[in-house]
C-alpha cells in the first residue's frame, strides 16, 4: 500500500490488487454504503492515525473518495474540508446493480450511471467558482496549475467555446465523452490568478456547466470515458479542433 500526503487535510491510500487480495477483498465487494467498505475505510483511518497522525474528528466535515484503478487496485482519498457535502457520487460504486436487492436498499450504480449522476451534480447559484477548482502545487513554478472540469451537452458547444477563446491563454485542455454522450472538458490553468480564472470560467460556463474537481476526478474520467482529445496546450487543442469535423 502506498500513502500520498497531499497537504495537511488530504491523504491518499493506494491499495494494489495484492493488498485487496490479502484482505480477502475485491472491487465487487466495495459497493457504496456496504459494511465491507465501511470496515476498510475505518481500518485505513486507524492506520493513518497511528502512522501519519491523520484523523478526522466526528464533528468535522470530511469526504472519502474511493476510486477503482485500471490495474484492479483501489485509491481511497480522505479529505477534511468545509465542502464535504459536495462529494462526487461517481466514487460510490464500481459494480453493476443487483436487481435482487430489496426495494428499501439503494442498488449500486453501474460505472456509466455513476458518471451520469456526476454530470447531474452541477454548480448551483450562490457557490463561488473557487469551490470547484483543484490547485496542484509543484516544485517547479511553471508546472503548478489549477484544474477545472466543465460538462457540455453537445460537441457544437465545445467547438463554439474553443473558437471564442484566445490562443494566448496559458492553459491546456482535454475532451472526453461519457456513455450518456455528454462532453467533459478538463482544463489546466497555468500562472493565472484566481480572479483571472473565475473571469474566464464566467465565459466558459455560458456554454457548459462547471462541476467540482477533486484529486481523483481526472484519473476517473480518463479511465471511464471515451477520449476525444488528450490534455494538450490550448494552442494545439484549438488547431486540432478547427480540423475536427
C-alpha atoms as a PDB file:
ATOM      1  CA  UNK A   1       0.000   0.000   0.000  1.00  0.00           C
ATOM      2  CA  UNK A   2       1.255   3.458  -0.932  1.00  0.00           C
ATOM      3  CA  UNK A   3       0.459   6.583   1.092  1.00  0.00           C
ATOM      4  CA  UNK A   4       0.408  10.011  -0.594  1.00  0.00           C
ATOM      5  CA  UNK A   5       0.118  13.066   1.676  1.00  0.00           C
ATOM      6  CA  UNK A   6      -1.118  15.958  -0.495  1.00  0.00           C
ATOM      7  CA  UNK A   7      -1.500  18.516   2.274  1.00  0.00           C
ATOM      8  CA  UNK A   8      -2.421  18.767   5.944  1.00  0.00           C
ATOM      9  CA  UNK A   9      -6.061  17.913   5.208  1.00  0.00           C
ATOM     10  CA  UNK A  10      -5.806  15.403   2.359  1.00  0.00           C
ATOM     11  CA  UNK A  11      -4.205  11.973   2.236  1.00  0.00           C
ATOM     12  CA  UNK A  12      -4.491   9.071  -0.207  1.00  0.00           C
ATOM     13  CA  UNK A  13      -4.128   5.328   0.326  1.00  0.00           C
ATOM     14  CA  UNK A  14      -3.404   3.354  -2.847  1.00  0.00           C
ATOM     15  CA  UNK A  15      -4.121  -0.343  -2.446  1.00  0.00           C
ATOM     16  CA  UNK A  16      -2.741  -2.732  -5.061  1.00  0.00           C
ATOM     17  CA  UNK A  17      -4.700  -5.796  -6.213  1.00  0.00           C
ATOM     18  CA  UNK A  18      -2.392  -7.797  -3.932  1.00  0.00           C
ATOM     19  CA  UNK A  19      -3.311  -5.581  -0.966  1.00  0.00           C
ATOM     20  CA  UNK A  20      -7.003  -6.234  -1.621  1.00  0.00           C
ATOM     21  CA  UNK A  21      -6.372  -9.944  -2.063  1.00  0.00           C
ATOM     22  CA  UNK A  22      -4.504 -10.092   1.247  1.00  0.00           C
ATOM     23  CA  UNK A  23      -7.576  -8.558   2.868  1.00  0.00           C
ATOM     24  CA  UNK A  24      -9.775 -11.065   1.028  1.00  0.00           C
ATOM     25  CA  UNK A  25     -11.461  -8.194  -0.832  1.00  0.00           C
ATOM     26  CA  UNK A  26     -12.306  -7.426  -4.427  1.00  0.00           C
ATOM     27  CA  UNK A  27     -13.741  -4.305  -6.078  1.00  0.00           C
ATOM     28  CA  UNK A  28     -17.045  -6.181  -6.349  1.00  0.00           C
ATOM     29  CA  UNK A  29     -17.251  -6.205  -2.541  1.00  0.00           C
ATOM     30  CA  UNK A  30     -16.854  -2.452  -2.195  1.00  0.00           C
ATOM     31  CA  UNK A  31     -20.268  -1.035  -3.047  1.00  0.00           C
ATOM     32  CA  UNK A  32     -21.197   2.352  -1.605  1.00  0.00           C
ATOM     33  CA  UNK A  33     -22.514   2.028   1.924  1.00  0.00           C
ATOM     34  CA  UNK A  34     -21.586  -1.641   2.236  1.00  0.00           C
ATOM     35  CA  UNK A  35     -20.292  -2.929   5.596  1.00  0.00           C
ATOM     36  CA  UNK A  36     -17.139  -4.119   3.798  1.00  0.00           C
ATOM     37  CA  UNK A  37     -16.309  -0.627   2.516  1.00  0.00           C
ATOM     38  CA  UNK A  38     -17.096   0.933   5.907  1.00  0.00           C
ATOM     39  CA  UNK A  39     -14.799  -1.583   7.600  1.00  0.00           C
ATOM     40  CA  UNK A  40     -11.990  -0.919   5.103  1.00  0.00           C
ATOM     41  CA  UNK A  41     -12.139   2.868   5.463  1.00  0.00           C
ATOM     42  CA  UNK A  42     -12.303   2.521   9.244  1.00  0.00           C
ATOM     43  CA  UNK A  43      -9.191   0.310   9.230  1.00  0.00           C
ATOM     44  CA  UNK A  44      -7.360   2.735   6.946  1.00  0.00           C
ATOM     45  CA  UNK A  45      -8.237   5.712   9.144  1.00  0.00           C
ATOM     46  CA  UNK A  46      -6.992   3.846  12.205  1.00  0.00           C
ATOM     47  CA  UNK A  47      -3.724   3.090  10.402  1.00  0.00           C
ATOM     48  CA  UNK A  48      -3.336   6.704   9.224  1.00  0.00           C
ATOM     49  CA  UNK A  49      -3.995   7.999  12.724  1.00  0.00           C
ATOM     50  CA  UNK A  50      -1.237   5.830  14.218  1.00  0.00           C
ATOM     51  CA  UNK A  51       1.378   6.140  11.473  1.00  0.00           C
ATOM     52  CA  UNK A  52       0.741   9.588   9.996  1.00  0.00           C
ATOM     53  CA  UNK A  53      -1.091  11.473  12.747  1.00  0.00           C
ATOM     54  CA  UNK A  54      -4.048  11.932  10.391  1.00  0.00           C
ATOM     55  CA  UNK A  55      -7.518  11.726  11.909  1.00  0.00           C
ATOM     56  CA  UNK A  56     -10.987  13.066  11.211  1.00  0.00           C
ATOM     57  CA  UNK A  57     -12.981  14.194  14.281  1.00  0.00           C
ATOM     58  CA  UNK A  58     -16.616  13.087  14.344  1.00  0.00           C
ATOM     59  CA  UNK A  59     -17.859  16.680  14.297  1.00  0.00           C
ATOM     60  CA  UNK A  60     -15.657  17.780  11.388  1.00  0.00           C
ATOM     61  CA  UNK A  61     -16.931  17.746   7.768  1.00  0.00           C
ATOM     62  CA  UNK A  62     -14.969  15.383   5.554  1.00  0.00           C
ATOM     63  CA  UNK A  63     -15.166  13.349   2.378  1.00  0.00           C
ATOM     64  CA  UNK A  64     -13.958   9.871   1.484  1.00  0.00           C
ATOM     65  CA  UNK A  65     -13.423   9.159  -2.211  1.00  0.00           C
ATOM     66  CA  UNK A  66     -12.880   5.552  -3.317  1.00  0.00           C
ATOM     67  CA  UNK A  67     -11.642   5.335  -6.908  1.00  0.00           C
ATOM     68  CA  UNK A  68     -11.153   1.985  -8.699  1.00  0.00           C
ATOM     69  CA  UNK A  69      -7.870   1.810 -10.609  1.00  0.00           C
ATOM     70  CA  UNK A  70      -7.254   0.343 -14.029  1.00  0.00           C
ATOM     71  CA  UNK A  71      -4.957  -2.387 -12.649  1.00  0.00           C
ATOM     72  CA  UNK A  72      -7.645  -3.639 -10.249  1.00  0.00           C
ATOM     73  CA  UNK A  73      -6.382  -1.687  -7.262  1.00  0.00           C
ATOM     74  CA  UNK A  74      -8.171   0.975  -5.271  1.00  0.00           C
ATOM     75  CA  UNK A  75      -7.395   4.581  -4.357  1.00  0.00           C
ATOM     76  CA  UNK A  76      -9.033   5.864  -1.171  1.00  0.00           C
ATOM     77  CA  UNK A  77      -8.728   9.619  -0.558  1.00  0.00           C
ATOM     78  CA  UNK A  78      -9.586  11.162   2.802  1.00  0.00           C
ATOM     79  CA  UNK A  79     -10.192  14.915   2.808  1.00  0.00           C
ATOM     80  CA  UNK A  80     -11.009  17.223   5.690  1.00  0.00           C
ATOM     81  CA  UNK A  81     -12.749  20.228   4.166  1.00  0.00           C
ATOM     82  CA  UNK A  82     -15.701  22.590   4.508  1.00  0.00           C
ATOM     83  CA  UNK A  83     -17.385  21.338   1.325  1.00  0.00           C
ATOM     84  CA  UNK A  84     -17.668  17.646   2.066  1.00  0.00           C
ATOM     85  CA  UNK A  85     -21.331  17.759   1.100  1.00  0.00           C
ATOM     86  CA  UNK A  86     -20.148  18.230  -2.486  1.00  0.00           C
ATOM     87  CA  UNK A  87     -18.554  14.769  -2.626  1.00  0.00           C
ATOM     88  CA  UNK A  88     -18.927  13.304  -6.101  1.00  0.00           C
ATOM     89  CA  UNK A  89     -21.374  10.384  -6.296  1.00  0.00           C
ATOM     90  CA  UNK A  90     -19.245   8.831  -9.063  1.00  0.00           C
ATOM     91  CA  UNK A  91     -16.969   7.436  -6.359  1.00  0.00           C
ATOM     92  CA  UNK A  92     -19.722   5.471  -4.691  1.00  0.00           C
ATOM     93  CA  UNK A  93     -19.701   2.210  -6.657  1.00  0.00           C
ATOM     94  CA  UNK A  94     -17.765   0.006  -9.021  1.00  0.00           C
ATOM     95  CA  UNK A  95     -20.189  -2.820  -9.917  1.00  0.00           C
ATOM     96  CA  UNK A  96     -23.378  -3.416 -11.874  1.00  0.00           C
ATOM     97  CA  UNK A  97     -26.676  -3.124  -9.948  1.00  0.00           C
ATOM     98  CA  UNK A  98     -28.079  -6.256  -8.340  1.00  0.00           C
ATOM     99  CA  UNK A  99     -31.787  -6.243  -9.192  1.00  0.00           C
ATOM    100  CA  UNK A 100     -32.418  -8.757  -6.425  1.00  0.00           C
ATOM    101  CA  UNK A 101     -31.750  -6.115  -3.758  1.00  0.00           C
ATOM    102  CA  UNK A 102     -34.747  -5.207  -1.642  1.00  0.00           C
ATOM    103  CA  UNK A 103     -36.624  -2.016  -2.508  1.00  0.00           C
ATOM    104  CA  UNK A 104     -35.622  -0.257   0.686  1.00  0.00           C
ATOM    105  CA  UNK A 105     -31.888  -0.566  -0.091  1.00  0.00           C
ATOM    106  CA  UNK A 106     -30.294   1.603  -2.767  1.00  0.00           C
ATOM    107  CA  UNK A 107     -28.922  -0.591  -5.535  1.00  0.00           C
ATOM    108  CA  UNK A 108     -25.314   0.206  -6.502  1.00  0.00           C
ATOM    109  CA  UNK A 109     -24.798   2.269  -9.625  1.00  0.00           C
ATOM    110  CA  UNK A 110     -23.018   0.996 -12.704  1.00  0.00           C
ATOM    111  CA  UNK A 111     -19.916   2.910 -13.768  1.00  0.00           C
ATOM    112  CA  UNK A 112     -21.794   4.630 -16.595  1.00  0.00           C
ATOM    113  CA  UNK A 113     -24.730   5.546 -14.352  1.00  0.00           C
ATOM    114  CA  UNK A 114     -22.265   6.899 -11.808  1.00  0.00           C
ATOM    115  CA  UNK A 115     -20.779   9.141 -14.494  1.00  0.00           C
ATOM    116  CA  UNK A 116     -24.265  10.308 -15.474  1.00  0.00           C
ATOM    117  CA  UNK A 117     -25.013  11.083 -11.803  1.00  0.00           C
ATOM    118  CA  UNK A 118     -21.768  13.051 -11.697  1.00  0.00           C
ATOM    119  CA  UNK A 119     -22.919  15.118 -14.666  1.00  0.00           C
ATOM    120  CA  UNK A 120     -26.167  15.927 -12.871  1.00  0.00           C
ATOM    121  CA  UNK A 121     -24.249  17.346  -9.893  1.00  0.00           C
ATOM    122  CA  UNK A 122     -23.541  20.765 -11.376  1.00  0.00           C
ATOM    123  CA  UNK A 123     -22.920  24.197  -9.990  1.00  0.00           C
ATOM    124  CA  UNK A 124     -25.718  25.824  -8.083  1.00  0.00           C
ATOM    125  CA  UNK A 125     -26.378  29.550  -7.649  1.00  0.00           C
ATOM    126  CA  UNK A 126     -24.548  31.147  -4.773  1.00  0.00           C
ATOM    127  CA  UNK A 127     -21.426  28.977  -4.870  1.00  0.00           C
ATOM    128  CA  UNK A 128     -18.187  30.616  -5.915  1.00  0.00           C
ATOM    129  CA  UNK A 129     -16.115  29.123  -8.726  1.00  0.00           C
ATOM    130  CA  UNK A 130     -13.166  28.664  -6.365  1.00  0.00           C
ATOM    131  CA  UNK A 131     -15.027  25.893  -4.531  1.00  0.00           C
ATOM    132  CA  UNK A 132     -14.951  23.810  -7.704  1.00  0.00           C
ATOM    133  CA  UNK A 133     -11.247  24.195  -8.541  1.00  0.00           C
ATOM    134  CA  UNK A 134      -8.305  21.953  -7.704  1.00  0.00           C
ATOM    135  CA  UNK A 135      -4.996  23.689  -7.023  1.00  0.00           C
ATOM    136  CA  UNK A 136      -1.994  21.491  -7.840  1.00  0.00           C
ATOM    137  CA  UNK A 137       1.326  22.699  -6.430  1.00  0.00           C
ATOM    138  CA  UNK A 138       4.668  21.797  -7.963  1.00  0.00           C
ATOM    139  CA  UNK A 139       8.307  22.277  -7.059  1.00  0.00           C
ATOM    140  CA  UNK A 140       8.653  23.915 -10.471  1.00  0.00           C
ATOM    141  CA  UNK A 141       6.642  27.119 -10.612  1.00  0.00           C
ATOM    142  CA  UNK A 142       5.926  26.703 -14.330  1.00  0.00           C
ATOM    143  CA  UNK A 143       4.306  23.310 -13.702  1.00  0.00           C
ATOM    144  CA  UNK A 144       1.916  24.427 -10.953  1.00  0.00           C
ATOM    145  CA  UNK A 145      -1.651  24.525 -12.179  1.00  0.00           C
ATOM    146  CA  UNK A 146      -5.286  24.971 -11.252  1.00  0.00           C
ATOM    147  CA  UNK A 147      -7.663  22.356 -12.672  1.00  0.00           C
ATOM    148  CA  UNK A 148     -11.350  22.510 -13.547  1.00  0.00           C
ATOM    149  CA  UNK A 149     -13.886  20.280 -15.277  1.00  0.00           C
ATOM    150  CA  UNK A 150     -16.837  21.537 -17.334  1.00  0.00           C
ATOM    151  CA  UNK A 151     -19.671  19.469 -18.842  1.00  0.00           C
ATOM    152  CA  UNK A 152     -21.233  20.279 -22.237  1.00  0.00           C
ATOM    153  CA  UNK A 153     -24.470  18.970 -23.723  1.00  0.00           C
ATOM    154  CA  UNK A 154     -23.200  18.973 -27.307  1.00  0.00           C
ATOM    155  CA  UNK A 155     -19.963  18.995 -29.255  1.00  0.00           C
ATOM    156  CA  UNK A 156     -21.209  22.099 -31.035  1.00  0.00           C
ATOM    157  CA  UNK A 157     -20.999  23.994 -27.739  1.00  0.00           C
ATOM    158  CA  UNK A 158     -17.437  22.734 -27.314  1.00  0.00           C
ATOM    159  CA  UNK A 159     -16.471  23.984 -30.783  1.00  0.00           C
ATOM    160  CA  UNK A 160     -18.086  27.385 -30.214  1.00  0.00           C
ATOM    161  CA  UNK A 161     -16.220  27.849 -26.953  1.00  0.00           C
ATOM    162  CA  UNK A 162     -12.840  26.832 -28.372  1.00  0.00           C
ATOM    163  CA  UNK A 163     -13.237  29.213 -31.320  1.00  0.00           C
ATOM    164  CA  UNK A 164     -14.053  32.056 -28.921  1.00  0.00           C
ATOM    165  CA  UNK A 165     -11.057  31.772 -26.579  1.00  0.00           C
ATOM    166  CA  UNK A 166      -7.703  33.422 -27.225  1.00  0.00           C
ATOM    167  CA  UNK A 167      -4.592  31.379 -28.062  1.00  0.00           C
ATOM    168  CA  UNK A 168      -2.663  33.455 -25.531  1.00  0.00           C
ATOM    169  CA  UNK A 169      -4.477  31.981 -22.513  1.00  0.00           C
ATOM    170  CA  UNK A 170      -1.910  29.917 -20.535  1.00  0.00           C
ATOM    171  CA  UNK A 171      -3.827  26.667 -20.247  1.00  0.00           C
ATOM    172  CA  UNK A 172      -4.193  23.123 -21.523  1.00  0.00           C
ATOM    173  CA  UNK A 173      -7.372  21.168 -22.091  1.00  0.00           C
ATOM    174  CA  UNK A 174      -8.643  17.693 -22.911  1.00  0.00           C
ATOM    175  CA  UNK A 175     -12.042  16.476 -24.109  1.00  0.00           C
ATOM    176  CA  UNK A 176     -13.840  13.257 -23.188  1.00  0.00           C
ATOM    177  CA  UNK A 177     -17.278  11.788 -23.902  1.00  0.00           C
ATOM    178  CA  UNK A 178     -19.370   9.856 -21.414  1.00  0.00           C
ATOM    179  CA  UNK A 179     -21.614   6.885 -22.153  1.00  0.00           C
ATOM    180  CA  UNK A 180     -24.564   9.303 -21.994  1.00  0.00           C
ATOM    181  CA  UNK A 181     -22.965  11.364 -24.817  1.00  0.00           C
ATOM    182  CA  UNK A 182     -22.177  14.363 -22.650  1.00  0.00           C
ATOM    183  CA  UNK A 183     -18.809  16.031 -23.274  1.00  0.00           C
ATOM    184  CA  UNK A 184     -16.388  16.654 -20.419  1.00  0.00           C
ATOM    185  CA  UNK A 185     -13.638  19.232 -20.847  1.00  0.00           C
ATOM    186  CA  UNK A 186     -10.746  19.176 -18.373  1.00  0.00           C
ATOM    187  CA  UNK A 187      -8.826  22.452 -18.025  1.00  0.00           C
ATOM    188  CA  UNK A 188      -5.343  23.045 -16.623  1.00  0.00           C
ATOM    189  CA  UNK A 189      -4.728  26.745 -15.954  1.00  0.00           C
ATOM    190  CA  UNK A 190      -1.121  27.920 -15.538  1.00  0.00           C
ATOM    191  CA  UNK A 191       0.265  31.115 -13.987  1.00  0.00           C
ATOM    192  CA  UNK A 192      -3.209  32.625 -13.645  1.00  0.00           C
ATOM    193  CA  UNK A 193      -4.667  34.352 -10.610  1.00  0.00           C
ATOM    194  CA  UNK A 194      -7.908  33.057  -9.101  1.00  0.00           C
ATOM    195  CA  UNK A 195      -9.660  36.238 -10.258  1.00  0.00           C
ATOM    196  CA  UNK A 196      -8.493  35.713 -13.856  1.00  0.00           C
ATOM    197  CA  UNK A 197      -9.568  32.075 -13.746  1.00  0.00           C
ATOM    198  CA  UNK A 198     -13.004  32.995 -12.415  1.00  0.00           C
ATOM    199  CA  UNK A 199     -13.416  35.636 -15.144  1.00  0.00           C
ATOM    200  CA  UNK A 200     -12.540  33.021 -17.751  1.00  0.00           C
ATOM    201  CA  UNK A 201     -14.895  30.463 -16.199  1.00  0.00           C
ATOM    202  CA  UNK A 202     -17.710  33.014 -16.373  1.00  0.00           C
ATOM    203  CA  UNK A 203     -17.330  32.879 -20.156  1.00  0.00           C
ATOM    204  CA  UNK A 204     -16.844  29.104 -20.300  1.00  0.00           C
ATOM    205  CA  UNK A 205     -19.968  28.490 -18.214  1.00  0.00           C
ATOM    206  CA  UNK A 206     -22.118  30.266 -20.794  1.00  0.00           C
ATOM    207  CA  UNK A 207     -21.587  27.128 -22.903  1.00  0.00           C
ATOM    208  CA  UNK A 208     -21.157  24.399 -20.284  1.00  0.00           C
ATOM    209  CA  UNK A 209     -21.654  23.588 -16.607  1.00  0.00           C
ATOM    210  CA  UNK A 210     -18.848  23.664 -14.057  1.00  0.00           C
ATOM    211  CA  UNK A 211     -18.615  20.863 -11.540  1.00  0.00           C
ATOM    212  CA  UNK A 212     -16.282  20.129  -8.673  1.00  0.00           C
ATOM    213  CA  UNK A 213     -12.751  18.973  -9.462  1.00  0.00           C
ATOM    214  CA  UNK A 214     -11.113  16.784  -6.831  1.00  0.00           C
ATOM    215  CA  UNK A 215      -7.893  14.794  -6.713  1.00  0.00           C
ATOM    216  CA  UNK A 216      -9.315  11.672  -8.358  1.00  0.00           C
ATOM    217  CA  UNK A 217     -11.552  13.337 -10.960  1.00  0.00           C
ATOM    218  CA  UNK A 218      -9.143  13.443 -13.898  1.00  0.00           C
ATOM    219  CA  UNK A 219      -7.968   9.849 -13.408  1.00  0.00           C
ATOM    220  CA  UNK A 220     -11.550   8.637 -13.207  1.00  0.00           C
ATOM    221  CA  UNK A 221     -12.621  10.454 -16.369  1.00  0.00           C
ATOM    222  CA  UNK A 222      -9.624   9.277 -18.394  1.00  0.00           C
ATOM    223  CA  UNK A 223     -10.236   5.668 -17.323  1.00  0.00           C
ATOM    224  CA  UNK A 224     -14.013   5.517 -17.806  1.00  0.00           C
ATOM    225  CA  UNK A 225     -14.858   7.965 -20.611  1.00  0.00           C
ATOM    226  CA  UNK A 226     -14.048   7.945 -24.312  1.00  0.00           C
ATOM    227  CA  UNK A 227     -11.118  10.224 -25.051  1.00  0.00           C
ATOM    228  CA  UNK A 228     -11.814  12.696 -27.854  1.00  0.00           C
ATOM    229  CA  UNK A 229      -8.596  14.626 -27.263  1.00  0.00           C
ATOM    230  CA  UNK A 230      -5.926  14.223 -24.542  1.00  0.00           C
ATOM    231  CA  UNK A 231      -4.930  17.169 -22.376  1.00  0.00           C
ATOM    232  CA  UNK A 232      -2.679  19.318 -24.593  1.00  0.00           C
ATOM    233  CA  UNK A 233      -1.677  23.009 -24.686  1.00  0.00           C
ATOM    234  CA  UNK A 234      -4.603  25.153 -25.809  1.00  0.00           C
ATOM    235  CA  UNK A 235      -2.927  26.409 -28.989  1.00  0.00           C
ATOM    236  CA  UNK A 236      -2.536  22.779 -30.102  1.00  0.00           C
ATOM    237  CA  UNK A 237      -6.065  21.901 -28.966  1.00  0.00           C
ATOM    238  CA  UNK A 238      -7.507  24.781 -30.970  1.00  0.00           C
ATOM    239  CA  UNK A 239      -5.678  23.678 -34.123  1.00  0.00           C
ATOM    240  CA  UNK A 240      -6.930  20.132 -33.693  1.00  0.00           C
ATOM    241  CA  UNK A 241     -10.494  21.297 -33.048  1.00  0.00           C
ATOM    242  CA  UNK A 242     -10.551  23.512 -36.138  1.00  0.00           C
ATOM    243  CA  UNK A 243      -9.754  20.418 -38.206  1.00  0.00           C
ATOM    244  CA  UNK A 244     -12.226  18.224 -36.327  1.00  0.00           C
ATOM    245  CA  UNK A 245     -15.450  17.758 -38.252  1.00  0.00           C
END
